[in-house]
C-alpha atoms as a PDB file:
ATOM      1  CA  UNK A   1     -17.355  -7.411 -18.076  1.00  0.00           C
ATOM      2  CA  UNK A   2     -16.060  -8.548 -21.427  1.00  0.00           C
ATOM      3  CA  UNK A   3     -17.472 -11.675 -23.026  1.00  0.00           C
ATOM      4  CA  UNK A   4     -16.402 -13.165 -26.329  1.00  0.00           C
ATOM      5  CA  UNK A   5     -18.141 -16.162 -27.902  1.00  0.00           C
ATOM      6  CA  UNK A   6     -16.336 -18.438 -30.277  1.00  0.00           C
ATOM      7  CA  UNK A   7     -17.629 -18.247 -33.843  1.00  0.00           C
ATOM      8  CA  UNK A   8     -17.915 -21.214 -36.170  1.00  0.00           C
ATOM      9  CA  UNK A   9     -14.602 -22.272 -37.684  1.00  0.00           C
ATOM     10  CA  UNK A  10     -12.724 -19.686 -35.616  1.00  0.00           C
ATOM     11  CA  UNK A  11      -9.281 -20.571 -34.390  1.00  0.00           C
ATOM     12  CA  UNK A  12      -8.372 -20.176 -30.745  1.00  0.00           C
ATOM     13  CA  UNK A  13      -5.708 -17.623 -31.710  1.00  0.00           C
ATOM     14  CA  UNK A  14      -8.222 -15.326 -33.376  1.00  0.00           C
ATOM     15  CA  UNK A  15     -10.594 -15.762 -30.417  1.00  0.00           C
ATOM     16  CA  UNK A  16      -7.830 -14.688 -28.024  1.00  0.00           C
ATOM     17  CA  UNK A  17      -6.970 -11.776 -30.331  1.00  0.00           C
ATOM     18  CA  UNK A  18     -10.620 -10.602 -30.357  1.00  0.00           C
ATOM     19  CA  UNK A  19     -10.802 -10.940 -26.575  1.00  0.00           C
ATOM     20  CA  UNK A  20      -7.592  -8.962 -26.100  1.00  0.00           C
ATOM     21  CA  UNK A  21      -8.827  -6.219 -28.431  1.00  0.00           C
ATOM     22  CA  UNK A  22     -12.162  -5.968 -26.638  1.00  0.00           C
ATOM     23  CA  UNK A  23     -10.363  -5.778 -23.280  1.00  0.00           C
ATOM     24  CA  UNK A  24      -8.221  -2.906 -24.538  1.00  0.00           C
ATOM     25  CA  UNK A  25     -11.261  -1.086 -25.909  1.00  0.00           C
ATOM     26  CA  UNK A  26     -13.192  -1.484 -22.655  1.00  0.00           C
ATOM     27  CA  UNK A  27     -10.314   0.171 -20.711  1.00  0.00           C
ATOM     28  CA  UNK A  28     -10.748  -2.213 -17.779  1.00  0.00           C
ATOM     29  CA  UNK A  29      -7.077  -3.121 -17.428  1.00  0.00           C
ATOM     30  CA  UNK A  30      -5.699   0.437 -17.101  1.00  0.00           C
ATOM     31  CA  UNK A  31      -8.314   1.189 -14.461  1.00  0.00           C
ATOM     32  CA  UNK A  32      -7.499  -1.933 -12.453  1.00  0.00           C
ATOM     33  CA  UNK A  33      -3.760  -1.357 -12.750  1.00  0.00           C
ATOM     34  CA  UNK A  34      -4.242   2.199 -11.526  1.00  0.00           C
ATOM     35  CA  UNK A  35      -6.125   0.988  -8.451  1.00  0.00           C
ATOM     36  CA  UNK A  36      -3.614  -1.743  -7.722  1.00  0.00           C
ATOM     37  CA  UNK A  37      -1.250   0.343  -5.615  1.00  0.00           C
ATOM     38  CA  UNK A  38      -3.691   3.018  -4.464  1.00  0.00           C
ATOM     39  CA  UNK A  39      -3.287   4.051  -0.834  1.00  0.00           C
ATOM     40  CA  UNK A  40      -5.962   5.999   0.937  1.00  0.00           C
ATOM     41  CA  UNK A  41      -4.853   9.335   2.328  1.00  0.00           C
ATOM     42  CA  UNK A  42      -4.689   9.570   6.090  1.00  0.00           C
ATOM     43  CA  UNK A  43      -7.007  12.045   7.745  1.00  0.00           C
ATOM     44  CA  UNK A  44      -5.612  15.044   9.604  1.00  0.00           C
ATOM     45  CA  UNK A  45      -6.065  13.554  13.069  1.00  0.00           C
ATOM     46  CA  UNK A  46      -4.163  10.397  12.115  1.00  0.00           C
ATOM     47  CA  UNK A  47      -1.316  12.442  10.598  1.00  0.00           C
ATOM     48  CA  UNK A  48      -1.065  14.522  13.783  1.00  0.00           C
ATOM     49  CA  UNK A  49      -1.083  11.430  16.019  1.00  0.00           C
ATOM     50  CA  UNK A  50       1.658   9.833  13.942  1.00  0.00           C
ATOM     51  CA  UNK A  51       3.765  12.996  14.110  1.00  0.00           C
ATOM     52  CA  UNK A  52       3.368  13.236  17.897  1.00  0.00           C
ATOM     53  CA  UNK A  53       4.327   9.562  18.219  1.00  0.00           C
ATOM     54  CA  UNK A  54       7.490  10.055  16.152  1.00  0.00           C
ATOM     55  CA  UNK A  55       8.500  13.080  18.209  1.00  0.00           C
ATOM     56  CA  UNK A  56       8.010  11.267  21.522  1.00  0.00           C
ATOM     57  CA  UNK A  57       9.917   8.182  20.383  1.00  0.00           C
ATOM     58  CA  UNK A  58      12.703  10.368  19.003  1.00  0.00           C
ATOM     59  CA  UNK A  59      13.065  12.290  22.275  1.00  0.00           C
ATOM     60  CA  UNK A  60      13.253   9.101  24.327  1.00  0.00           C
ATOM     61  CA  UNK A  61      15.722   7.517  21.892  1.00  0.00           C
ATOM     62  CA  UNK A  62      17.955  10.619  21.950  1.00  0.00           C
ATOM     63  CA  UNK A  63      17.887  10.601  25.738  1.00  0.00           C
ATOM     64  CA  UNK A  64      19.090   6.984  25.805  1.00  0.00           C
ATOM     65  CA  UNK A  65      21.741   7.693  23.147  1.00  0.00           C
ATOM     66  CA  UNK A  66      23.170  10.533  25.243  1.00  0.00           C
ATOM     67  CA  UNK A  67      23.273   8.224  28.252  1.00  0.00           C
ATOM     68  CA  UNK A  68      25.007   5.563  26.138  1.00  0.00           C
ATOM     69  CA  UNK A  69      22.501   2.763  26.797  1.00  0.00           C
ATOM     70  CA  UNK A  70      20.605   2.774  23.489  1.00  0.00           C
ATOM     71  CA  UNK A  71      19.892  -0.678  21.972  1.00  0.00           C
ATOM     72  CA  UNK A  72      17.296  -2.175  19.669  1.00  0.00           C
ATOM     73  CA  UNK A  73      15.523  -3.788  22.620  1.00  0.00           C
ATOM     74  CA  UNK A  74      15.315  -0.418  24.381  1.00  0.00           C
ATOM     75  CA  UNK A  75      13.848   1.117  21.226  1.00  0.00           C
ATOM     76  CA  UNK A  76      11.148  -1.562  21.125  1.00  0.00           C
ATOM     77  CA  UNK A  77      10.350  -0.855  24.781  1.00  0.00           C
ATOM     78  CA  UNK A  78      10.105   2.872  24.065  1.00  0.00           C
ATOM     79  CA  UNK A  79       7.713   2.264  21.164  1.00  0.00           C
ATOM     80  CA  UNK A  80       5.512   0.035  23.339  1.00  0.00           C
ATOM     81  CA  UNK A  81       5.439   2.574  26.156  1.00  0.00           C
ATOM     82  CA  UNK A  82       4.656   5.536  23.913  1.00  0.00           C
ATOM     83  CA  UNK A  83       1.975   3.615  22.029  1.00  0.00           C
ATOM     84  CA  UNK A  84       0.253   2.509  25.233  1.00  0.00           C
ATOM     85  CA  UNK A  85       0.058   6.035  26.670  1.00  0.00           C
END
């Protein structure tokens, strides 16, 4: 953590400048900005489950499309049914 104490007869501008410089030298900001949008990688089992889910939903959706009764509500029902199995 960076701490900067105000010296005697120091202006607030120079205090802010010293603080900014010490923050840049400590390299805290680049590290935090790098972690800001970090997403953990999924493990292999989760990736496989997700792929199986997409395949099942796609097959059911294609079946309904061929029958001509595909709607958004039907898609939601398919997702619920596949997820519950």
